[in-house]
Amino acid sequence: MIRSFVMGAATATLAFAGVAVAKQYVDYTPQKGFWQISAIEVDPNHIDDYLAGLRKSQVPGFEVLKKRGLMDSYKFLVRNGYGKGSPNVLIMTHVPSAALLDPDKARDEAVEKEILATFSEEQGKIAVAGYEKYRQFLDDGQWTEMTMEK
């Protein structure tokens, strides 16, 4: 039943795709900020190791960025199943405003200092050296969320 519904919806979408012209703010609305999404292929036998390493190496830095308002959310997604050459781990961070990408020397140096107090540059080098044995970045991009109007 569900499969029939999904297939029917997909067919209907394709049938009307050439006719409909979407209009921003009428059919969909871009949301503020953006998601920075890194898509990574991790050897399936090392996903637990990678996640444990990210907990130590990334989460403290993400928490510093959240505390300072430079991001408001982060997620780690793991794909069930594996396909060679496809990402199976996503690291997602949400930046509330693209204006936060503007350089601010005092802020940026203070953030770097605070992050390095939780996870030193040397610890970072060691962690990355370990990661490189079983991970490969496949994509890294900024994605804007769209809300579909009813």
N, C-alpha and C. Protein backbone atom coordinates (compact mmCIF):
# COMPACT_ATOMS: atom_id res chain seq x y z
N MET A 1 0.83 -1.19 0.00
CA MET A 1 0.00 0.00 0.00
C MET A 1 0.87 1.26 0.00
N ILE A 2 1.84 1.32 0.93
CA ILE A 2 2.71 2.49 1.02
C ILE A 2 3.52 2.62 -0.26
N ARG A 3 4.04 1.50 -0.75
CA ARG A 3 4.83 1.54 -1.98
C ARG A 3 4.01 2.10 -3.14
N SER A 4 2.74 1.67 -3.24
CA SER A 4 1.88 2.17 -4.30
C SER A 4 1.67 3.67 -4.17
N PHE A 5 1.47 4.13 -2.94
CA PHE A 5 1.29 5.56 -2.71
C PHE A 5 2.53 6.35 -3.11
N VAL A 6 3.70 5.86 -2.68
CA VAL A 6 4.95 6.55 -2.99
C VAL A 6 5.20 6.56 -4.50
N MET A 7 4.99 5.43 -5.15
CA MET A 7 5.19 5.36 -6.60
C MET A 7 4.21 6.27 -7.32
N GLY A 8 2.96 6.31 -6.85
CA GLY A 8 1.96 7.19 -7.46
C GLY A 8 2.33 8.66 -7.28
N ALA A 9 2.82 9.00 -6.10
CA ALA A 9 3.22 10.38 -5.83
C ALA A 9 4.41 10.76 -6.70
N ALA A 10 5.35 9.84 -6.86
CA ALA A 10 6.52 10.11 -7.69
C ALA A 10 6.10 10.30 -9.15
N THR A 11 5.18 9.48 -9.64
CA THR A 11 4.70 9.59 -11.01
C THR A 11 3.97 10.92 -11.20
N ALA A 12 3.13 11.29 -10.23
CA ALA A 12 2.40 12.56 -10.32
C ALA A 12 3.37 13.74 -10.32
N THR A 13 4.40 13.64 -9.50
CA THR A 13 5.40 14.71 -9.45
C THR A 13 6.08 14.87 -10.79
N LEU A 14 6.47 13.75 -11.40
CA LEU A 14 7.13 13.81 -12.70
C LEU A 14 6.19 14.35 -13.77
N ALA A 15 4.92 13.99 -13.71
CA ALA A 15 3.96 14.42 -14.72
C ALA A 15 3.76 15.93 -14.68
N PHE A 16 3.79 16.52 -13.48
CA PHE A 16 3.55 17.95 -13.35
C PHE A 16 4.82 18.78 -13.31
N ALA A 17 5.97 18.12 -13.28
CA ALA A 17 7.24 18.84 -13.15
C ALA A 17 7.47 19.84 -14.29
N GLY A 18 7.07 19.49 -15.48
CA GLY A 18 7.28 20.38 -16.61
C GLY A 18 6.28 21.52 -16.66
N VAL A 19 5.15 21.40 -15.96
CA VAL A 19 4.09 22.40 -16.02
C VAL A 19 4.24 23.45 -14.92
N ALA A 20 4.56 23.03 -13.73
CA ALA A 20 4.60 23.93 -12.58
C ALA A 20 5.88 24.75 -12.56
N VAL A 21 5.74 26.01 -12.19
CA VAL A 21 6.89 26.88 -11.99
C VAL A 21 6.84 27.32 -10.53
N ALA A 22 7.85 26.91 -9.78
CA ALA A 22 7.88 27.24 -8.36
C ALA A 22 8.25 28.70 -8.17
N LYS A 23 7.66 29.31 -7.16
CA LYS A 23 7.94 30.70 -6.84
C LYS A 23 8.40 30.80 -5.39
N GLN A 24 9.57 31.40 -5.24
CA GLN A 24 10.12 31.60 -3.89
C GLN A 24 9.16 32.49 -3.10
N TYR A 25 8.97 32.16 -1.84
CA TYR A 25 8.09 32.84 -0.89
C TYR A 25 6.61 32.59 -1.16
N VAL A 26 6.29 31.88 -2.24
CA VAL A 26 4.92 31.47 -2.50
C VAL A 26 4.84 29.96 -2.30
N ASP A 27 5.71 29.22 -3.01
CA ASP A 27 5.72 27.77 -2.92
C ASP A 27 6.69 27.25 -1.87
N TYR A 28 7.76 27.99 -1.64
CA TYR A 28 8.76 27.61 -0.65
C TYR A 28 9.43 28.87 -0.12
N THR A 29 9.97 28.75 1.09
CA THR A 29 10.63 29.90 1.72
C THR A 29 11.99 29.47 2.24
N PRO A 30 13.05 30.15 1.79
CA PRO A 30 14.38 29.83 2.33
C PRO A 30 14.45 30.26 3.80
N GLN A 31 15.09 29.42 4.59
CA GLN A 31 15.24 29.71 6.01
C GLN A 31 16.56 30.42 6.27
N LYS A 32 16.63 31.14 7.37
CA LYS A 32 17.86 31.85 7.72
C LYS A 32 18.97 30.86 8.05
N GLY A 33 20.18 31.29 7.81
CA GLY A 33 21.33 30.46 8.13
C GLY A 33 21.53 29.37 7.09
N PHE A 34 22.39 28.44 7.44
CA PHE A 34 22.68 27.33 6.53
C PHE A 34 23.22 26.16 7.33
N TRP A 35 23.13 24.99 6.74
CA TRP A 35 23.75 23.78 7.28
C TRP A 35 25.06 23.56 6.54
N GLN A 36 26.13 23.40 7.28
CA GLN A 36 27.41 22.97 6.72
C GLN A 36 27.41 21.45 6.85
N ILE A 37 27.46 20.74 5.73
CA ILE A 37 27.36 19.29 5.76
C ILE A 37 28.61 18.67 5.13
N SER A 38 29.28 17.85 5.91
CA SER A 38 30.43 17.09 5.42
C SER A 38 29.99 15.64 5.28
N ALA A 39 30.16 15.09 4.09
CA ALA A 39 29.79 13.71 3.80
C ALA A 39 31.08 12.88 3.75
N ILE A 40 31.14 11.86 4.58
CA ILE A 40 32.38 11.10 4.75
C ILE A 40 32.11 9.61 4.56
N GLU A 41 33.02 8.97 3.86
CA GLU A 41 32.98 7.51 3.78
C GLU A 41 33.96 6.97 4.81
N VAL A 42 33.42 6.19 5.75
CA VAL A 42 34.24 5.60 6.80
C VAL A 42 34.19 4.09 6.64
N ASP A 43 35.35 3.47 6.75
CA ASP A 43 35.38 1.99 6.72
C ASP A 43 34.34 1.49 7.73
N PRO A 44 33.40 0.64 7.30
CA PRO A 44 32.33 0.20 8.19
C PRO A 44 32.84 -0.43 9.49
N ASN A 45 34.04 -0.99 9.47
CA ASN A 45 34.60 -1.61 10.67
C ASN A 45 35.14 -0.58 11.66
N HIS A 46 35.17 0.70 11.27
CA HIS A 46 35.75 1.73 12.13
C HIS A 46 34.78 2.86 12.46
N ILE A 47 33.50 2.69 12.16
CA ILE A 47 32.54 3.77 12.44
C ILE A 47 32.51 4.08 13.94
N ASP A 48 32.49 3.07 14.78
CA ASP A 48 32.48 3.32 16.23
C ASP A 48 33.73 4.08 16.65
N ASP A 49 34.89 3.70 16.12
CA ASP A 49 36.13 4.41 16.44
C ASP A 49 36.04 5.87 15.99
N TYR A 50 35.50 6.08 14.80
CA TYR A 50 35.41 7.43 14.26
C TYR A 50 34.47 8.29 15.11
N LEU A 51 33.32 7.74 15.47
CA LEU A 51 32.37 8.49 16.30
C LEU A 51 32.96 8.81 17.66
N ALA A 52 33.67 7.85 18.24
CA ALA A 52 34.31 8.10 19.54
C ALA A 52 35.36 9.21 19.42
N GLY A 53 36.09 9.20 18.32
CA GLY A 53 37.08 10.25 18.09
C GLY A 53 36.43 11.61 17.88
N LEU A 54 35.33 11.64 17.14
CA LEU A 54 34.61 12.90 16.93
C LEU A 54 34.06 13.45 18.24
N ARG A 55 33.62 12.56 19.11
CA ARG A 55 33.11 13.00 20.41
C ARG A 55 34.20 13.75 21.17
N LYS A 56 35.43 13.28 21.06
CA LYS A 56 36.54 13.94 21.77
C LYS A 56 37.08 15.14 21.01
N SER A 57 37.14 15.05 19.68
CA SER A 57 37.82 16.09 18.91
C SER A 57 36.89 17.19 18.40
N GLN A 58 35.65 16.86 18.06
CA GLN A 58 34.76 17.84 17.46
C GLN A 58 33.74 18.44 18.42
N VAL A 59 33.14 17.59 19.23
CA VAL A 59 32.05 18.06 20.09
C VAL A 59 32.48 19.21 21.01
N PRO A 60 33.64 19.15 21.67
CA PRO A 60 34.02 20.30 22.51
C PRO A 60 34.12 21.61 21.72
N GLY A 61 34.66 21.55 20.53
CA GLY A 61 34.74 22.75 19.69
C GLY A 61 33.37 23.23 19.26
N PHE A 62 32.49 22.30 18.91
CA PHE A 62 31.13 22.66 18.53
C PHE A 62 30.42 23.34 19.71
N GLU A 63 30.66 22.84 20.91
CA GLU A 63 30.02 23.44 22.09
C GLU A 63 30.54 24.87 22.32
N VAL A 64 31.81 25.11 22.07
CA VAL A 64 32.36 26.47 22.17
C VAL A 64 31.66 27.37 21.16
N LEU A 65 31.52 26.89 19.92
CA LEU A 65 30.86 27.68 18.88
C LEU A 65 29.40 27.95 19.21
N LYS A 66 28.72 26.97 19.80
CA LYS A 66 27.33 27.17 20.22
C LYS A 66 27.25 28.22 21.33
N LYS A 67 28.14 28.10 22.30
CA LYS A 67 28.13 29.04 23.43
C LYS A 67 28.33 30.47 22.94
N ARG A 68 29.12 30.64 21.92
CA ARG A 68 29.42 31.97 21.38
C ARG A 68 28.43 32.40 20.29
N GLY A 69 27.42 31.57 20.01
CA GLY A 69 26.40 31.94 19.04
C GLY A 69 26.81 31.81 17.59
N LEU A 70 27.93 31.13 17.33
CA LEU A 70 28.42 30.97 15.96
C LEU A 70 27.80 29.76 15.26
N MET A 71 27.14 28.92 16.02
CA MET A 71 26.33 27.83 15.49
C MET A 71 25.23 27.58 16.51
N ASP A 72 24.13 27.01 16.06
CA ASP A 72 23.06 26.75 17.01
C ASP A 72 22.66 25.29 17.10
N SER A 73 23.24 24.46 16.23
CA SER A 73 22.91 23.04 16.27
C SER A 73 23.98 22.25 15.53
N TYR A 74 24.14 21.01 15.94
CA TYR A 74 25.01 20.09 15.20
C TYR A 74 24.46 18.68 15.32
N LYS A 75 24.75 17.88 14.30
CA LYS A 75 24.26 16.50 14.26
C LYS A 75 25.31 15.62 13.60
N PHE A 76 25.31 14.37 13.99
CA PHE A 76 26.10 13.34 13.34
C PHE A 76 25.11 12.29 12.88
N LEU A 77 25.10 12.01 11.59
CA LEU A 77 24.20 10.99 11.05
C LEU A 77 25.03 9.84 10.51
N VAL A 78 24.57 8.62 10.79
CA VAL A 78 25.23 7.41 10.30
C VAL A 78 24.22 6.65 9.45
N ARG A 79 24.66 6.29 8.27
CA ARG A 79 23.81 5.56 7.33
C ARG A 79 23.77 4.09 7.71
N ASN A 80 22.59 3.51 7.64
CA ASN A 80 22.45 2.06 7.80
C ASN A 80 22.65 1.45 6.42
N GLY A 81 23.58 0.56 6.33
CA GLY A 81 23.94 -0.02 5.04
C GLY A 81 25.21 0.64 4.53
N TYR A 82 25.82 0.03 3.56
CA TYR A 82 27.09 0.55 3.06
C TYR A 82 27.17 0.34 1.56
N GLY A 83 27.62 1.35 0.86
CA GLY A 83 27.89 1.27 -0.56
C GLY A 83 29.24 1.90 -0.82
N LYS A 84 30.18 1.15 -1.35
CA LYS A 84 31.54 1.66 -1.59
C LYS A 84 31.47 2.95 -2.40
N GLY A 85 32.19 3.96 -1.93
CA GLY A 85 32.23 5.24 -2.61
C GLY A 85 31.10 6.19 -2.23
N SER A 86 30.26 5.76 -1.30
CA SER A 86 29.14 6.59 -0.84
C SER A 86 29.37 7.00 0.61
N PRO A 87 28.88 8.17 1.00
CA PRO A 87 29.06 8.56 2.40
C PRO A 87 28.23 7.69 3.33
N ASN A 88 28.79 7.40 4.49
CA ASN A 88 28.03 6.70 5.51
C ASN A 88 28.04 7.46 6.84
N VAL A 89 28.70 8.61 6.87
CA VAL A 89 28.67 9.50 8.04
C VAL A 89 28.49 10.92 7.52
N LEU A 90 27.56 11.64 8.11
CA LEU A 90 27.38 13.06 7.83
C LEU A 90 27.65 13.83 9.11
N ILE A 91 28.42 14.90 8.99
CA ILE A 91 28.63 15.83 10.10
C ILE A 91 27.93 17.11 9.68
N MET A 92 26.93 17.52 10.47
CA MET A 92 26.11 18.67 10.11
C MET A 92 26.18 19.72 11.21
N THR A 93 26.47 20.95 10.83
CA THR A 93 26.43 22.06 11.77
C THR A 93 25.55 23.15 11.18
N HIS A 94 24.73 23.75 12.02
CA HIS A 94 23.84 24.82 11.54
C HIS A 94 24.35 26.17 12.03
N VAL A 95 24.62 27.05 11.08
CA VAL A 95 25.06 28.42 11.36
C VAL A 95 23.84 29.31 11.19
N PRO A 96 23.46 30.07 12.23
CA PRO A 96 22.21 30.83 12.17
C PRO A 96 22.19 32.00 11.18
N SER A 97 23.35 32.46 10.74
CA SER A 97 23.39 33.57 9.79
C SER A 97 24.70 33.52 9.01
N ALA A 98 24.60 33.70 7.71
CA ALA A 98 25.81 33.73 6.88
C ALA A 98 26.71 34.90 7.27
N ALA A 99 26.15 35.92 7.90
CA ALA A 99 26.96 37.07 8.34
C ALA A 99 28.01 36.65 9.36
N LEU A 100 27.79 35.53 10.03
CA LEU A 100 28.77 35.05 11.01
C LEU A 100 30.06 34.56 10.36
N LEU A 101 30.06 34.42 9.03
CA LEU A 101 31.27 34.04 8.32
C LEU A 101 32.21 35.22 8.12
N ASP A 102 31.70 36.44 8.32
CA ASP A 102 32.56 37.62 8.20
C ASP A 102 33.69 37.52 9.21
N PRO A 103 34.90 37.87 8.81
CA PRO A 103 36.03 37.80 9.73
C PRO A 103 35.88 38.81 10.87
N ASP A 104 36.29 38.36 12.05
CA ASP A 104 36.32 39.21 13.24
C ASP A 104 37.53 38.74 14.03
N LYS A 105 38.62 39.44 13.90
CA LYS A 105 39.90 38.99 14.44
C LYS A 105 39.82 38.67 15.93
N ALA A 106 39.29 39.58 16.73
CA ALA A 106 39.22 39.36 18.17
C ALA A 106 38.37 38.14 18.50
N ARG A 107 37.20 38.04 17.88
CA ARG A 107 36.31 36.90 18.11
C ARG A 107 36.98 35.60 17.67
N ASP A 108 37.52 35.60 16.46
CA ASP A 108 38.09 34.39 15.89
C ASP A 108 39.29 33.90 16.71
N GLU A 109 40.14 34.80 17.15
CA GLU A 109 41.29 34.40 17.97
C GLU A 109 40.85 33.90 19.33
N ALA A 110 39.83 34.51 19.91
CA ALA A 110 39.32 34.06 21.21
C ALA A 110 38.69 32.67 21.09
N VAL A 111 37.95 32.44 20.02
CA VAL A 111 37.33 31.13 19.80
C VAL A 111 38.40 30.07 19.61
N GLU A 112 39.40 30.37 18.80
CA GLU A 112 40.48 29.41 18.56
C GLU A 112 41.19 29.07 19.87
N LYS A 113 41.45 30.07 20.68
CA LYS A 113 42.12 29.85 21.97
C LYS A 113 41.27 28.96 22.88
N GLU A 114 39.97 29.24 22.91
CA GLU A 114 39.07 28.45 23.76
C GLU A 114 38.97 27.00 23.28
N ILE A 115 38.90 26.82 21.97
CA ILE A 115 38.82 25.46 21.42
C ILE A 115 40.12 24.70 21.70
N LEU A 116 41.26 25.35 21.50
CA LEU A 116 42.55 24.68 21.74
C LEU A 116 42.76 24.36 23.22
N ALA A 117 42.07 25.05 24.11
CA ALA A 117 42.14 24.72 25.53
C ALA A 117 41.42 23.41 25.83
N THR A 118 40.45 23.03 24.97
CA THR A 118 39.72 21.78 25.17
C THR A 118 40.33 20.62 24.42
N PHE A 119 41.00 20.92 23.30
CA PHE A 119 41.59 19.88 22.45
C PHE A 119 42.76 20.53 21.72
N SER A 120 43.95 20.24 22.15
CA SER A 120 45.14 20.94 21.65
C SER A 120 45.40 20.66 20.18
N GLU A 121 46.21 21.51 19.60
CA GLU A 121 46.60 21.34 18.19
C GLU A 121 47.32 19.99 18.01
N GLU A 122 48.15 19.63 18.97
CA GLU A 122 48.86 18.34 18.90
C GLU A 122 47.88 17.17 18.95
N GLN A 123 46.89 17.25 19.86
CA GLN A 123 45.88 16.19 19.93
C GLN A 123 45.12 16.10 18.60
N GLY A 124 44.87 17.26 18.00
CA GLY A 124 44.18 17.29 16.71
C GLY A 124 44.96 16.60 15.62
N LYS A 125 46.27 16.84 15.58
CA LYS A 125 47.12 16.19 14.58
C LYS A 125 47.12 14.68 14.76
N ILE A 126 47.19 14.24 16.00
CA ILE A 126 47.18 12.79 16.29
C ILE A 126 45.85 12.18 15.86
N ALA A 127 44.76 12.85 16.19
CA ALA A 127 43.43 12.34 15.84
C ALA A 127 43.27 12.24 14.32
N VAL A 128 43.63 13.28 13.60
CA VAL A 128 43.48 13.26 12.15
C VAL A 128 44.36 12.19 11.52
N ALA A 129 45.55 12.00 12.06
CA ALA A 129 46.44 10.96 11.53
C ALA A 129 45.76 9.60 11.66
N GLY A 130 45.07 9.38 12.76
CA GLY A 130 44.34 8.13 12.95
C GLY A 130 43.15 8.03 12.02
N TYR A 131 42.42 9.13 11.86
CA TYR A 131 41.23 9.12 11.01
C TYR A 131 41.58 8.80 9.57
N GLU A 132 42.70 9.34 9.10
CA GLU A 132 43.05 9.19 7.69
C GLU A 132 43.24 7.74 7.28
N LYS A 133 43.39 6.85 8.25
CA LYS A 133 43.56 5.43 7.93
C LYS A 133 42.24 4.80 7.46
N TYR A 134 41.10 5.39 7.86
CA TYR A 134 39.84 4.73 7.55
C TYR A 134 38.70 5.66 7.13
N ARG A 135 39.02 6.90 6.78
CA ARG A 135 37.94 7.80 6.32
C ARG A 135 38.39 8.57 5.09
N GLN A 136 37.37 8.99 4.32
CA GLN A 136 37.61 9.82 3.15
C GLN A 136 36.46 10.80 3.02
N PHE A 137 36.80 12.10 2.90
CA PHE A 137 35.77 13.11 2.69
C PHE A 137 35.30 13.02 1.24
N LEU A 138 33.99 12.96 1.05
CA LEU A 138 33.44 12.87 -0.29
C LEU A 138 32.78 14.18 -0.73
N ASP A 139 32.28 14.95 0.24
CA ASP A 139 31.61 16.19 -0.10
C ASP A 139 31.60 17.09 1.13
N ASP A 140 31.60 18.38 0.88
CA ASP A 140 31.52 19.36 1.95
C ASP A 140 30.84 20.58 1.36
N GLY A 141 29.68 20.95 1.87
CA GLY A 141 28.96 22.07 1.28
C GLY A 141 28.03 22.75 2.26
N GLN A 142 27.57 23.91 1.85
CA GLN A 142 26.61 24.68 2.63
C GLN A 142 25.23 24.51 2.00
N TRP A 143 24.28 24.11 2.81
CA TRP A 143 22.93 23.81 2.36
C TRP A 143 21.95 24.75 3.05
N THR A 144 21.04 25.32 2.28
CA THR A 144 20.01 26.18 2.84
C THR A 144 18.71 25.40 2.93
N GLU A 145 18.11 25.42 4.10
CA GLU A 145 16.83 24.72 4.31
C GLU A 145 15.69 25.50 3.67
N MET A 146 14.78 24.81 3.02
CA MET A 146 13.60 25.41 2.41
C MET A 146 12.37 24.84 3.09
N THR A 147 11.43 25.70 3.42
CA THR A 147 10.16 25.27 3.98
C THR A 147 9.13 25.34 2.87
N MET A 148 8.44 24.25 2.65
CA MET A 148 7.41 24.21 1.61
C MET A 148 6.12 24.80 2.16
N GLU A 149 5.52 25.68 1.41
CA GLU A 149 4.27 26.32 1.82
C GLU A 149 3.13 25.34 1.59
N LYS A 150 2.10 25.48 2.39
CA LYS A 150 0.95 24.55 2.30
C LYS A 150 -0.08 25.06 1.33
